[in-house]
Amino acid sequence: MPLTAMDLVTAAKQHIREIDVATAQAELGQYLCLDVREPAEFQAGHLPGAINIPRGVLEFKIGNEPRLQNNPQAPILVYCQTGGRSALATEAIQKLGYSGAVSMAGGFNAWSQQGGAVEKA
């Protein structure tokens, strides 16, 4: 039987570290925030200082981010809208050698619901 997208997300979460919104808010300054949503989603609102590399091109573009070049242990907070894409993205960039990546559980929706600061492009 074929796997579903949620099966892939569940499997990815077994291999990554996920932090909750409260932890992300408390430790935000320690991370490079990586928004893996589509550009229109990012422009509508994102975490302060976040960069946008959509999930679909992540493996091809993450190496172009100056703050990550020659720094595979850099702390990266990965998020999307609800936490699924960020789990898949975190697993993918860990495979590329970025060992400091964590996924934010609940994504941007949870961040917004808990009163997190939001910037607009």
PDB file of N, CA and C in Angstrom:
ATOM      1  N   MET A   1       0.849  -1.196   0.000  1.00  0.00           N
ATOM      2  CA  MET A   1       0.000   0.000   0.000  1.00  0.00           C
ATOM      3  C   MET A   1       0.888   1.250   0.000  1.00  0.00           C
ATOM      4  N   PRO A   2       0.589   2.216  -0.850  1.00  0.00           N
ATOM      5  CA  PRO A   2       1.413   3.437  -0.926  1.00  0.00           C
ATOM      6  C   PRO A   2       1.340   4.254   0.368  1.00  0.00           C
ATOM      7  N   LEU A   3       2.422   4.942   0.644  1.00  0.00           N
ATOM      8  CA  LEU A   3       2.463   5.833   1.800  1.00  0.00           C
ATOM      9  C   LEU A   3       1.728   7.125   1.492  1.00  0.00           C
ATOM     10  N   THR A   4       1.173   7.742   2.527  1.00  0.00           N
ATOM     11  CA  THR A   4       0.552   9.053   2.380  1.00  0.00           C
ATOM     12  C   THR A   4       1.549  10.125   2.808  1.00  0.00           C
ATOM     13  N   ALA A   5       1.224  11.371   2.533  1.00  0.00           N
ATOM     14  CA  ALA A   5       2.065  12.477   2.977  1.00  0.00           C
ATOM     15  C   ALA A   5       2.209  12.458   4.492  1.00  0.00           C
ATOM     16  N   MET A   6       1.133  12.167   5.194  1.00  0.00           N
ATOM     17  CA  MET A   6       1.202  12.138   6.654  1.00  0.00           C
ATOM     18  C   MET A   6       2.068  10.982   7.151  1.00  0.00           C
ATOM     19  N   ASP A   7       2.091   9.855   6.419  1.00  0.00           N
ATOM     20  CA  ASP A   7       3.001   8.762   6.776  1.00  0.00           C
ATOM     21  C   ASP A   7       4.444   9.241   6.692  1.00  0.00           C
ATOM     22  N   LEU A   8       4.761  10.005   5.640  1.00  0.00           N
ATOM     23  CA  LEU A   8       6.114  10.521   5.472  1.00  0.00           C
ATOM     24  C   LEU A   8       6.467  11.508   6.582  1.00  0.00           C
ATOM     25  N   VAL A   9       5.507  12.356   6.965  1.00  0.00           N
ATOM     26  CA  VAL A   9       5.738  13.311   8.055  1.00  0.00           C
ATOM     27  C   VAL A   9       5.968  12.568   9.369  1.00  0.00           C
ATOM     28  N   THR A  10       5.148  11.579   9.648  1.00  0.00           N
ATOM     29  CA  THR A  10       5.302  10.791  10.876  1.00  0.00           C
ATOM     30  C   THR A  10       6.667  10.117  10.914  1.00  0.00           C
ATOM     31  N   ALA A  11       7.090   9.555   9.790  1.00  0.00           N
ATOM     32  CA  ALA A  11       8.402   8.912   9.716  1.00  0.00           C
ATOM     33  C   ALA A  11       9.517   9.931   9.923  1.00  0.00           C
ATOM     34  N   ALA A  12       9.390  11.104   9.305  1.00  0.00           N
ATOM     35  CA  ALA A  12      10.416  12.145   9.448  1.00  0.00           C
ATOM     36  C   ALA A  12      10.560  12.568  10.907  1.00  0.00           C
ATOM     37  N   LYS A  13       9.448  12.676  11.608  1.00  0.00           N
ATOM     38  CA  LYS A  13       9.480  13.126  13.005  1.00  0.00           C
ATOM     39  C   LYS A  13      10.211  12.141  13.913  1.00  0.00           C
ATOM     40  N   GLN A  14      10.406  10.921  13.453  1.00  0.00           N
ATOM     41  CA  GLN A  14      11.164   9.934  14.228  1.00  0.00           C
ATOM     42  C   GLN A  14      12.672  10.202  14.151  1.00  0.00           C
ATOM     43  N   HIS A  15      13.087  11.027  13.167  1.00  0.00           N
ATOM     44  CA  HIS A  15      14.512  11.248  12.922  1.00  0.00           C
ATOM     45  C   HIS A  15      14.980  12.676  13.197  1.00  0.00           C
ATOM     46  N   ILE A  16      14.086  13.520  13.646  1.00  0.00           N
ATOM     47  CA  ILE A  16      14.439  14.926  13.854  1.00  0.00           C
ATOM     48  C   ILE A  16      14.137  15.333  15.290  1.00  0.00           C
ATOM     49  N   ARG A  17      14.612  16.513  15.642  1.00  0.00           N
ATOM     50  CA  ARG A  17      14.250  17.130  16.924  1.00  0.00           C
ATOM     51  C   ARG A  17      13.176  18.166  16.632  1.00  0.00           C
ATOM     52  N   GLU A  18      12.129  18.135  17.417  1.00  0.00           N
ATOM     53  CA  GLU A  18      11.030  19.080  17.267  1.00  0.00           C
ATOM     54  C   GLU A  18      10.894  19.845  18.576  1.00  0.00           C
ATOM     55  N   ILE A  19      10.741  21.159  18.473  1.00  0.00           N
ATOM     56  CA  ILE A  19      10.545  21.956  19.681  1.00  0.00           C
ATOM     57  C   ILE A  19       9.181  22.635  19.619  1.00  0.00           C
ATOM     58  N   ASP A  20       8.632  22.938  20.780  1.00  0.00           N
ATOM     59  CA  ASP A  20       7.324  23.590  20.816  1.00  0.00           C
ATOM     60  C   ASP A  20       7.482  25.099  20.648  1.00  0.00           C
ATOM     61  N   VAL A  21       6.364  25.768  20.453  1.00  0.00           N
ATOM     62  CA  VAL A  21       6.376  27.213  20.201  1.00  0.00           C
ATOM     63  C   VAL A  21       6.948  27.988  21.380  1.00  0.00           C
ATOM     64  N   ALA A  22       6.612  27.597  22.594  1.00  0.00           N
ATOM     65  CA  ALA A  22       7.116  28.315  23.772  1.00  0.00           C
ATOM     66  C   ALA A  22       8.645  28.266  23.808  1.00  0.00           C
ATOM     67  N   THR A  23       9.218  27.126  23.515  1.00  0.00           N
ATOM     68  CA  THR A  23      10.677  26.999  23.473  1.00  0.00           C
ATOM     69  C   THR A  23      11.245  27.843  22.339  1.00  0.00           C
ATOM     70  N   ALA A  24      10.596  27.788  21.185  1.00  0.00           N
ATOM     71  CA  ALA A  24      11.052  28.581  20.035  1.00  0.00           C
ATOM     72  C   ALA A  24      11.018  30.075  20.366  1.00  0.00           C
ATOM     73  N   GLN A  25       9.964  30.522  21.031  1.00  0.00           N
ATOM     74  CA  GLN A  25       9.866  31.936  21.390  1.00  0.00           C
ATOM     75  C   GLN A  25      10.970  32.326  22.369  1.00  0.00           C
ATOM     76  N   ALA A  26      11.233  31.474  23.336  1.00  0.00           N
ATOM     77  CA  ALA A  26      12.240  31.776  24.353  1.00  0.00           C
ATOM     78  C   ALA A  26      13.660  31.767  23.786  1.00  0.00           C
ATOM     79  N   GLU A  27      13.896  30.942  22.776  1.00  0.00           N
ATOM     80  CA  GLU A  27      15.246  30.760  22.232  1.00  0.00           C
ATOM     81  C   GLU A  27      15.417  31.346  20.833  1.00  0.00           C
ATOM     82  N   LEU A  28      14.468  32.149  20.376  1.00  0.00           N
ATOM     83  CA  LEU A  28      14.447  32.621  18.987  1.00  0.00           C
ATOM     84  C   LEU A  28      15.761  33.251  18.546  1.00  0.00           C
ATOM     85  N   GLY A  29      16.392  34.044  19.401  1.00  0.00           N
ATOM     86  CA  GLY A  29      17.624  34.729  19.037  1.00  0.00           C
ATOM     87  C   GLY A  29      18.807  33.808  18.783  1.00  0.00           C
ATOM     88  N   GLN A  30      18.689  32.560  19.169  1.00  0.00           N
ATOM     89  CA  GLN A  30      19.776  31.600  18.980  1.00  0.00           C
ATOM     90  C   GLN A  30      19.746  30.944  17.603  1.00  0.00           C
ATOM     91  N   TYR A  31      18.654  31.129  16.863  1.00  0.00           N
ATOM     92  CA  TYR A  31      18.441  30.397  15.621  1.00  0.00           C
ATOM     93  C   TYR A  31      18.441  31.286  14.385  1.00  0.00           C
ATOM     94  N   LEU A  32      18.839  30.682  13.272  1.00  0.00           N
ATOM     95  CA  LEU A  32      18.507  31.215  11.956  1.00  0.00           C
ATOM     96  C   LEU A  32      17.132  30.635  11.666  1.00  0.00           C
ATOM     97  N   CYS A  33      16.133  31.467  11.483  1.00  0.00           N
ATOM     98  CA  CYS A  33      14.774  30.990  11.213  1.00  0.00           C
ATOM     99  C   CYS A  33      14.613  30.746   9.723  1.00  0.00           C
ATOM    100  N   LEU A  34      14.218  29.535   9.389  1.00  0.00           N
ATOM    101  CA  LEU A  34      14.053  29.119   8.001  1.00  0.00           C
ATOM    102  C   LEU A  34      12.595  28.780   7.750  1.00  0.00           C
ATOM    103  N   ASP A  35      11.946  29.613   6.958  1.00  0.00           N
ATOM    104  CA  ASP A  35      10.548  29.429   6.576  1.00  0.00           C
ATOM    105  C   ASP A  35      10.523  28.648   5.273  1.00  0.00           C
ATOM    106  N   VAL A  36       9.944  27.452   5.286  1.00  0.00           N
ATOM    107  CA  VAL A  36       9.928  26.617   4.089  1.00  0.00           C
ATOM    108  C   VAL A  36       8.588  26.662   3.355  1.00  0.00           C
ATOM    109  N   ARG A  37       7.777  27.668   3.692  1.00  0.00           N
ATOM    110  CA  ARG A  37       6.505  27.840   2.989  1.00  0.00           C
ATOM    111  C   ARG A  37       6.746  28.501   1.632  1.00  0.00           C
ATOM    112  N   GLU A  38       5.685  28.618   0.863  1.00  0.00           N
ATOM    113  CA  GLU A  38       5.759  29.271  -0.442  1.00  0.00           C
ATOM    114  C   GLU A  38       5.899  30.784  -0.256  1.00  0.00           C
ATOM    115  N   PRO A  39       6.466  31.482  -1.246  1.00  0.00           N
ATOM    116  CA  PRO A  39       6.697  32.929  -1.109  1.00  0.00           C
ATOM    117  C   PRO A  39       5.460  33.740  -0.719  1.00  0.00           C
ATOM    118  N   ALA A  40       4.305  33.423  -1.249  1.00  0.00           N
ATOM    119  CA  ALA A  40       3.094  34.184  -0.896  1.00  0.00           C
ATOM    120  C   ALA A  40       2.744  34.008   0.577  1.00  0.00           C
ATOM    121  N   GLU A  41       2.942  32.807   1.109  1.00  0.00           N
ATOM    122  CA  GLU A  41       2.686  32.563   2.528  1.00  0.00           C
ATOM    123  C   GLU A  41       3.667  33.373   3.375  1.00  0.00           C
ATOM    124  N   PHE A  42       4.928  33.378   2.967  1.00  0.00           N
ATOM    125  CA  PHE A  42       5.967  34.124   3.673  1.00  0.00           C
ATOM    126  C   PHE A  42       5.653  35.616   3.684  1.00  0.00           C
ATOM    127  N   GLN A  43       5.253  36.151   2.540  1.00  0.00           N
ATOM    128  CA  GLN A  43       4.964  37.588   2.435  1.00  0.00           C
ATOM    129  C   GLN A  43       3.779  37.998   3.304  1.00  0.00           C
ATOM    130  N   ALA A  44       2.850  37.088   3.517  1.00  0.00           N
ATOM    131  CA  ALA A  44       1.675  37.396   4.343  1.00  0.00           C
ATOM    132  C   ALA A  44       2.031  37.504   5.820  1.00  0.00           C
ATOM    133  N   GLY A  45       3.154  36.937   6.228  1.00  0.00           N
ATOM    134  CA  GLY A  45       3.602  37.013   7.615  1.00  0.00           C
ATOM    135  C   GLY A  45       4.578  35.907   7.921  1.00  0.00           C
ATOM    136  N   HIS A  46       5.629  36.248   8.684  1.00  0.00           N
ATOM    137  CA  HIS A  46       6.664  35.274   9.023  1.00  0.00           C
ATOM    138  C   HIS A  46       7.307  35.645  10.348  1.00  0.00           C
ATOM    139  N   LEU A  47       8.078  34.716  10.888  1.00  0.00           N
ATOM    140  CA  LEU A  47       8.797  34.972  12.128  1.00  0.00           C
ATOM    141  C   LEU A  47       9.836  36.077  11.906  1.00  0.00           C
ATOM    142  N   PRO A  48      10.118  36.863  12.937  1.00  0.00           N
ATOM    143  CA  PRO A  48      11.094  37.947  12.806  1.00  0.00           C
ATOM    144  C   PRO A  48      12.459  37.456  12.307  1.00  0.00           C
ATOM    145  N   GLY A  49      12.952  38.104  11.273  1.00  0.00           N
ATOM    146  CA  GLY A  49      14.268  37.801  10.737  1.00  0.00           C
ATOM    147  C   GLY A  49      14.360  36.531   9.921  1.00  0.00           C
ATOM    148  N   ALA A  50      13.238  35.886   9.664  1.00  0.00           N
ATOM    149  CA  ALA A  50      13.255  34.621   8.934  1.00  0.00           C
ATOM    150  C   ALA A  50      13.685  34.803   7.483  1.00  0.00           C
ATOM    151  N   ILE A  51      14.303  33.743   6.952  1.00  0.00           N
ATOM    152  CA  ILE A  51      14.574  33.687   5.525  1.00  0.00           C
ATOM    153  C   ILE A  51      13.608  32.680   4.918  1.00  0.00           C
ATOM    154  N   ASN A  52      13.313  32.850   3.644  1.00  0.00           N
ATOM    155  CA  ASN A  52      12.357  31.978   2.970  1.00  0.00           C
ATOM    156  C   ASN A  52      13.057  31.171   1.888  1.00  0.00           C
ATOM    157  N   ILE A  53      13.062  29.861   2.084  1.00  0.00           N
ATOM    158  CA  ILE A  53      13.491  28.934   1.041  1.00  0.00           C
ATOM    159  C   ILE A  53      12.395  27.871   0.974  1.00  0.00           C
ATOM    160  N   PRO A  54      11.541  27.936  -0.044  1.00  0.00           N
ATOM    161  CA  PRO A  54      10.423  26.985  -0.119  1.00  0.00           C
ATOM    162  C   PRO A  54      10.886  25.534  -0.108  1.00  0.00           C
ATOM    163  N   ARG A  55      10.088  24.683   0.485  1.00  0.00           N
ATOM    164  CA  ARG A  55      10.397  23.257   0.622  1.00  0.00           C
ATOM    165  C   ARG A  55      10.788  22.626  -0.717  1.00  0.00           C
ATOM    166  N   GLY A  56      10.135  23.013  -1.775  1.00  0.00           N
ATOM    167  CA  GLY A  56      10.377  22.403  -3.076  1.00  0.00           C
ATOM    168  C   GLY A  56      11.759  22.632  -3.652  1.00  0.00           C
ATOM    169  N   VAL A  57      12.457  23.664  -3.194  1.00  0.00           N
ATOM    170  CA  VAL A  57      13.795  23.967  -3.723  1.00  0.00           C
ATOM    171  C   VAL A  57      14.855  23.971  -2.616  1.00  0.00           C
ATOM    172  N   LEU A  58      14.497  23.529  -1.452  1.00  0.00           N
ATOM    173  CA  LEU A  58      15.353  23.634  -0.279  1.00  0.00           C
ATOM    174  C   LEU A  58      16.730  22.998  -0.477  1.00  0.00           C
ATOM    175  N   GLU A  59      16.742  21.768  -0.935  1.00  0.00           N
ATOM    176  CA  GLU A  59      18.019  21.062  -1.075  1.00  0.00           C
ATOM    177  C   GLU A  59      18.945  21.756  -2.071  1.00  0.00           C
ATOM    178  N   PHE A  60      18.374  22.452  -3.029  1.00  0.00           N
ATOM    179  CA  PHE A  60      19.163  23.136  -4.052  1.00  0.00           C
ATOM    180  C   PHE A  60      19.646  24.516  -3.615  1.00  0.00           C
ATOM    181  N   LYS A  61      18.938  25.156  -2.695  1.00  0.00           N
ATOM    182  CA  LYS A  61      19.246  26.549  -2.356  1.00  0.00           C
ATOM    183  C   LYS A  61      19.829  26.785  -0.972  1.00  0.00           C
ATOM    184  N   ILE A  62      19.708  25.830  -0.067  1.00  0.00           N
ATOM    185  CA  ILE A  62      20.155  26.089   1.304  1.00  0.00           C
ATOM    186  C   ILE A  62      21.649  26.391   1.372  1.00  0.00           C
ATOM    187  N   GLY A  63      22.433  25.799   0.512  1.00  0.00           N
ATOM    188  CA  GLY A  63      23.866  26.040   0.510  1.00  0.00           C
ATOM    189  C   GLY A  63      24.250  27.439   0.085  1.00  0.00           C
ATOM    190  N   ASN A  64      23.307  28.194  -0.489  1.00  0.00           N
ATOM    191  CA  ASN A  64      23.567  29.573  -0.909  1.00  0.00           C
ATOM    192  C   ASN A  64      23.384  30.579   0.217  1.00  0.00           C
ATOM    193  N   GLU A  65      22.842  30.147   1.350  1.00  0.00           N
ATOM    194  CA  GLU A  65      22.610  31.063   2.474  1.00  0.00           C
ATOM    195  C   GLU A  65      23.944  31.341   3.156  1.00  0.00           C
ATOM    196  N   PRO A  66      24.410  32.595   3.121  1.00  0.00           N
ATOM    197  CA  PRO A  66      25.731  32.918   3.676  1.00  0.00           C
ATOM    198  C   PRO A  66      25.927  32.494   5.126  1.00  0.00           C
ATOM    199  N   ARG A  67      24.889  32.596   5.961  1.00  0.00           N
ATOM    200  CA  ARG A  67      25.039  32.258   7.379  1.00  0.00           C
ATOM    201  C   ARG A  67      25.197  30.758   7.613  1.00  0.00           C
ATOM    202  N   LEU A  68      24.959  29.962   6.581  1.00  0.00           N
ATOM    203  CA  LEU A  68      25.081  28.511   6.733  1.00  0.00           C
ATOM    204  C   LEU A  68      26.314  27.941   6.043  1.00  0.00           C
ATOM    205  N   GLN A  69      26.936  28.745   5.199  1.00  0.00           N
ATOM    206  CA  GLN A  69      28.118  28.265   4.495  1.00  0.00           C
ATOM    207  C   GLN A  69      29.239  28.017   5.496  1.00  0.00           C
ATOM    208  N   ASN A  70      29.869  26.871   5.377  1.00  0.00           N
ATOM    209  CA  ASN A  70      30.953  26.460   6.275  1.00  0.00           C
ATOM    210  C   ASN A  70      30.525  26.416   7.741  1.00  0.00           C
ATOM    211  N   ASN A  71      29.237  26.213   7.988  1.00  0.00           N
ATOM    212  CA  ASN A  71      28.733  26.170   9.361  1.00  0.00           C
ATOM    213  C   ASN A  71      27.631  25.112   9.469  1.00  0.00           C
ATOM    214  N   PRO A  72      27.973  23.832   9.294  1.00  0.00           N
ATOM    215  CA  PRO A  72      26.947  22.791   9.312  1.00  0.00           C
ATOM    216  C   PRO A  72      26.289  22.571  10.673  1.00  0.00           C
ATOM    217  N   GLN A  73      26.891  23.104  11.741  1.00  0.00           N
ATOM    218  CA  GLN A  73      26.275  22.958  13.065  1.00  0.00           C
ATOM    219  C   GLN A  73      25.403  24.161  13.442  1.00  0.00           C
ATOM    220  N   ALA A  74      25.235  25.099  12.521  1.00  0.00           N
ATOM    221  CA  ALA A  74      24.439  26.297  12.822  1.00  0.00           C
ATOM    222  C   ALA A  74      23.055  25.904  13.331  1.00  0.00           C
ATOM    223  N   PRO A  75      22.586  26.568  14.379  1.00  0.00           N
ATOM    224  CA  PRO A  75      21.234  26.287  14.864  1.00  0.00           C
ATOM    225  C   PRO A  75      20.197  26.889  13.902  1.00  0.00           C
ATOM    226  N   ILE A  76      19.351  26.035  13.362  1.00  0.00           N
ATOM    227  CA  ILE A  76      18.343  26.446  12.380  1.00  0.00           C
ATOM    228  C   ILE A  76      16.976  26.046  12.909  1.00  0.00           C
ATOM    229  N   LEU A  77      16.069  27.013  12.991  1.00  0.00           N
ATOM    230  CA  LEU A  77      14.677  26.740  13.362  1.00  0.00           C
ATOM    231  C   LEU A  77      13.867  26.688  12.076  1.00  0.00           C
ATOM    232  N   VAL A  78      13.400  25.512  11.732  1.00  0.00           N
ATOM    233  CA  VAL A  78      12.650  25.313  10.491  1.00  0.00           C
ATOM    234  C   VAL A  78      11.160  25.317  10.821  1.00  0.00           C
ATOM    235  N   TYR A  79      10.393  26.062  10.029  1.00  0.00           N
ATOM    236  CA  TYR A  79       8.944  26.053  10.246  1.00  0.00           C
ATOM    237  C   TYR A  79       8.202  26.207   8.931  1.00  0.00           C
ATOM    238  N   CYS A  80       6.937  25.796   8.961  1.00  0.00           N
ATOM    239  CA  CYS A  80       6.037  25.941   7.820  1.00  0.00           C
ATOM    240  C   CYS A  80       4.699  26.437   8.375  1.00  0.00           C
ATOM    241  N   GLN A  81       3.599  26.075   7.763  1.00  0.00           N
ATOM    242  CA  GLN A  81       2.298  26.547   8.236  1.00  0.00           C
ATOM    243  C   GLN A  81       1.816  25.767   9.458  1.00  0.00           C
ATOM    244  N   THR A  82       1.930  24.422   9.408  1.00  0.00           N
ATOM    245  CA  THR A  82       1.398  23.611  10.504  1.00  0.00           C
ATOM    246  C   THR A  82       2.377  22.582  11.070  1.00  0.00           C
ATOM    247  N   GLY A  83       3.542  22.430  10.485  1.00  0.00           N
ATOM    248  CA  GLY A  83       4.553  21.527  11.017  1.00  0.00           C
ATOM    249  C   GLY A  83       4.902  20.339  10.143  1.00  0.00           C
ATOM    250  N   GLY A  84       4.121  20.040   9.114  1.00  0.00           N
ATOM    251  CA  GLY A  84       4.401  18.899   8.251  1.00  0.00           C
ATOM    252  C   GLY A  84       5.576  19.124   7.316  1.00  0.00           C
ATOM    253  N   ARG A  85       5.513  20.199   6.552  1.00  0.00           N
ATOM    254  CA  ARG A  85       6.607  20.494   5.620  1.00  0.00           C
ATOM    255  C   ARG A  85       7.908  20.733   6.366  1.00  0.00           C
ATOM    256  N   SER A  86       7.825  21.358   7.541  1.00  0.00           N
ATOM    257  CA  SER A  86       9.061  21.628   8.282  1.00  0.00           C
ATOM    258  C   SER A  86       9.692  20.338   8.799  1.00  0.00           C
ATOM    259  N   ALA A  87       8.893  19.347   9.158  1.00  0.00           N
ATOM    260  CA  ALA A  87       9.448  18.064   9.573  1.00  0.00           C
ATOM    261  C   ALA A  87      10.192  17.413   8.411  1.00  0.00           C
ATOM    262  N   LEU A  88       9.569  17.407   7.236  1.00  0.00           N
ATOM    263  CA  LEU A  88      10.219  16.839   6.055  1.00  0.00           C
ATOM    264  C   LEU A  88      11.471  17.627   5.686  1.00  0.00           C
ATOM    265  N   ALA A  89      11.383  18.955   5.776  1.00  0.00           N
ATOM    266  CA  ALA A  89      12.522  19.812   5.435  1.00  0.00           C
ATOM    267  C   ALA A  89      13.670  19.616   6.421  1.00  0.00           C
ATOM    268  N   THR A  90      13.352  19.503   7.704  1.00  0.00           N
ATOM    269  CA  THR A  90      14.393  19.308   8.716  1.00  0.00           C
ATOM    270  C   THR A  90      15.117  17.991   8.479  1.00  0.00           C
ATOM    271  N   GLU A  91      14.366  16.948   8.182  1.00  0.00           N
ATOM    272  CA  GLU A  91      14.994  15.659   7.887  1.00  0.00           C
ATOM    273  C   GLU A  91      15.900  15.780   6.657  1.00  0.00           C
ATOM    274  N   ALA A  92      15.430  16.479   5.629  1.00  0.00           N
ATOM    275  CA  ALA A  92      16.218  16.622   4.399  1.00  0.00           C
ATOM    276  C   ALA A  92      17.514  17.391   4.639  1.00  0.00           C
ATOM    277  N   ILE A  93      17.447  18.499   5.379  1.00  0.00           N
ATOM    278  CA  ILE A  93      18.679  19.275   5.556  1.00  0.00           C
ATOM    279  C   ILE A  93      19.636  18.599   6.533  1.00  0.00           C
ATOM    280  N   GLN A  94      19.105  17.779   7.439  1.00  0.00           N
ATOM    281  CA  GLN A  94      20.001  16.984   8.276  1.00  0.00           C
ATOM    282  C   GLN A  94      20.791  16.003   7.411  1.00  0.00           C
ATOM    283  N   LYS A  95      20.126  15.421   6.410  1.00  0.00           N
ATOM    284  CA  LYS A  95      20.809  14.507   5.492  1.00  0.00           C
ATOM    285  C   LYS A  95      21.893  15.236   4.698  1.00  0.00           C
ATOM    286  N   LEU A  96      21.723  16.550   4.513  1.00  0.00           N
ATOM    287  CA  LEU A  96      22.725  17.362   3.824  1.00  0.00           C
ATOM    288  C   LEU A  96      23.859  17.777   4.762  1.00  0.00           C
ATOM    289  N   GLY A  97      23.751  17.429   6.039  1.00  0.00           N
ATOM    290  CA  GLY A  97      24.822  17.701   6.987  1.00  0.00           C
ATOM    291  C   GLY A  97      24.578  18.833   7.961  1.00  0.00           C
ATOM    292  N   TYR A  98      23.398  19.443   7.944  1.00  0.00           N
ATOM    293  CA  TYR A  98      23.090  20.533   8.871  1.00  0.00           C
ATOM    294  C   TYR A  98      22.524  19.937  10.158  1.00  0.00           C
ATOM    295  N   SER A  99      23.422  19.640  11.088  1.00  0.00           N
ATOM    296  CA  SER A  99      23.051  18.906  12.296  1.00  0.00           C
ATOM    297  C   SER A  99      22.324  19.744  13.341  1.00  0.00           C
ATOM    298  N   GLY A 100      22.334  21.070  13.196  1.00  0.00           N
ATOM    299  CA  GLY A 100      21.704  21.934  14.190  1.00  0.00           C
ATOM    300  C   GLY A 100      20.258  22.296  13.883  1.00  0.00           C
ATOM    301  N   ALA A 101      19.660  21.635  12.911  1.00  0.00           N
ATOM    302  CA  ALA A 101      18.290  21.971  12.511  1.00  0.00           C
ATOM    303  C   ALA A 101      17.263  21.331  13.436  1.00  0.00           C
ATOM    304  N   VAL A 102      16.262  22.135  13.816  1.00  0.00           N
ATOM    305  CA  VAL A 102      15.109  21.652  14.576  1.00  0.00           C
ATOM    306  C   VAL A 102      13.845  22.145  13.893  1.00  0.00           C
ATOM    307  N   SER A 103      12.773  21.418  14.048  1.00  0.00           N
ATOM    308  CA  SER A 103      11.483  21.785  13.472  1.00  0.00           C
ATOM    309  C   SER A 103      10.591  22.348  14.576  1.00  0.00           C
ATOM    310  N   MET A 104       9.810  23.368  14.248  1.00  0.00           N
ATOM    311  CA  MET A 104       8.885  23.941  15.230  1.00  0.00           C
ATOM    312  C   MET A 104       7.520  23.276  15.089  1.00  0.00           C
ATOM    313  N   ALA A 105       7.109  22.574  16.131  1.00  0.00           N
ATOM    314  CA  ALA A 105       5.821  21.892  16.152  1.00  0.00           C
ATOM    315  C   ALA A 105       4.685  22.901  15.986  1.00  0.00           C
ATOM    316  N   GLY A 106       3.743  22.578  15.145  1.00  0.00           N
ATOM    317  CA  GLY A 106       2.572  23.434  14.961  1.00  0.00           C
ATOM    318  C   GLY A 106       2.764  24.551  13.961  1.00  0.00           C
ATOM    319  N   GLY A 107       4.005  24.843  13.618  1.00  0.00           N
ATOM    320  CA  GLY A 107       4.307  25.822  12.584  1.00  0.00           C
ATOM    321  C   GLY A 107       3.840  27.242  12.871  1.00  0.00           C
ATOM    322  N   PHE A 108       3.713  28.006  11.791  1.00  0.00           N
ATOM    323  CA  PHE A 108       3.354  29.414  11.884  1.00  0.00           C
ATOM    324  C   PHE A 108       1.974  29.610  12.519  1.00  0.00           C
ATOM    325  N   ASN A 109       1.061  28.685  12.248  1.00  0.00           N
ATOM    326  CA  ASN A 109      -0.270  28.802  12.863  1.00  0.00           C
ATOM    327  C   ASN A 109      -0.175  28.786  14.383  1.00  0.00           C
ATOM    328  N   ALA A 110       0.579  27.834  14.921  1.00  0.00           N
ATOM    329  CA  ALA A 110       0.721  27.743  16.379  1.00  0.00           C
ATOM    330  C   ALA A 110       1.455  28.970  16.918  1.00  0.00           C
ATOM    331  N   TRP A 111       2.486  29.414  16.198  1.00  0.00           N
ATOM    332  CA  TRP A 111       3.239  30.610  16.595  1.00  0.00           C
ATOM    333  C   TRP A 111       2.292  31.806  16.715  1.00  0.00           C
ATOM    334  N   SER A 112       1.467  32.024  15.709  1.00  0.00           N
ATOM    335  CA  SER A 112       0.537  33.158  15.692  1.00  0.00           C
ATOM    336  C   SER A 112      -0.511  33.030  16.805  1.00  0.00           C
ATOM    337  N   GLN A 113      -1.018  31.844  17.015  1.00  0.00           N
ATOM    338  CA  GLN A 113      -2.045  31.611  18.037  1.00  0.00           C
ATOM    339  C   GLN A 113      -1.490  31.856  19.436  1.00  0.00           C
ATOM    340  N   GLN A 114      -0.180  31.681  19.618  1.00  0.00           N
ATOM    341  CA  GLN A 114       0.418  31.884  20.931  1.00  0.00           C
ATOM    342  C   GLN A 114       1.025  33.274  21.061  1.00  0.00           C
ATOM    343  N   GLY A 115       0.660  34.167  20.160  1.00  0.00           N
ATOM    344  CA  GLY A 115       1.055  35.564  20.286  1.00  0.00           C
ATOM    345  C   GLY A 115       2.469  35.882  19.887  1.00  0.00           C
ATOM    346  N   GLY A 116       3.094  35.033  19.086  1.00  0.00           N
ATOM    347  CA  GLY A 116       4.462  35.296  18.631  1.00  0.00           C
ATOM    348  C   GLY A 116       4.524  36.487  17.706  1.00  0.00           C
ATOM    349  N   ALA A 117       5.631  37.195  17.742  1.00  0.00           N
ATOM    350  CA  ALA A 117       5.828  38.352  16.865  1.00  0.00           C
ATOM    351  C   ALA A 117       5.840  37.908  15.409  1.00  0.00           C
ATOM    352  N   VAL A 118       5.281  38.751  14.550  1.00  0.00           N
ATOM    353  CA  VAL A 118       5.172  38.435  13.123  1.00  0.00           C
ATOM    354  C   VAL A 118       5.644  39.645  12.325  1.00  0.00           C
ATOM    355  N   GLU A 119       6.428  39.387  11.293  1.00  0.00           N
ATOM    356  CA  GLU A 119       6.833  40.424  10.329  1.00  0.00           C
ATOM    357  C   GLU A 119       6.134  40.146   9.012  1.00  0.00           C
ATOM    358  N   LYS A 120       5.968  41.193   8.221  1.00  0.00           N
ATOM    359  CA  LYS A 120       5.403  41.038   6.867  1.00  0.00           C
ATOM    360  C   LYS A 120       6.385  41.572   5.860  1.00  0.00           C
ATOM    361  N   ALA A 121       6.455  40.879   4.724  1.00  0.00           N
ATOM    362  CA  ALA A 121       7.388  41.294   3.670  1.00  0.00           C
ATOM    363  C   ALA A 121       6.789  42.418   2.839  1.00  0.00           C
TER     364      ALA A 121
END
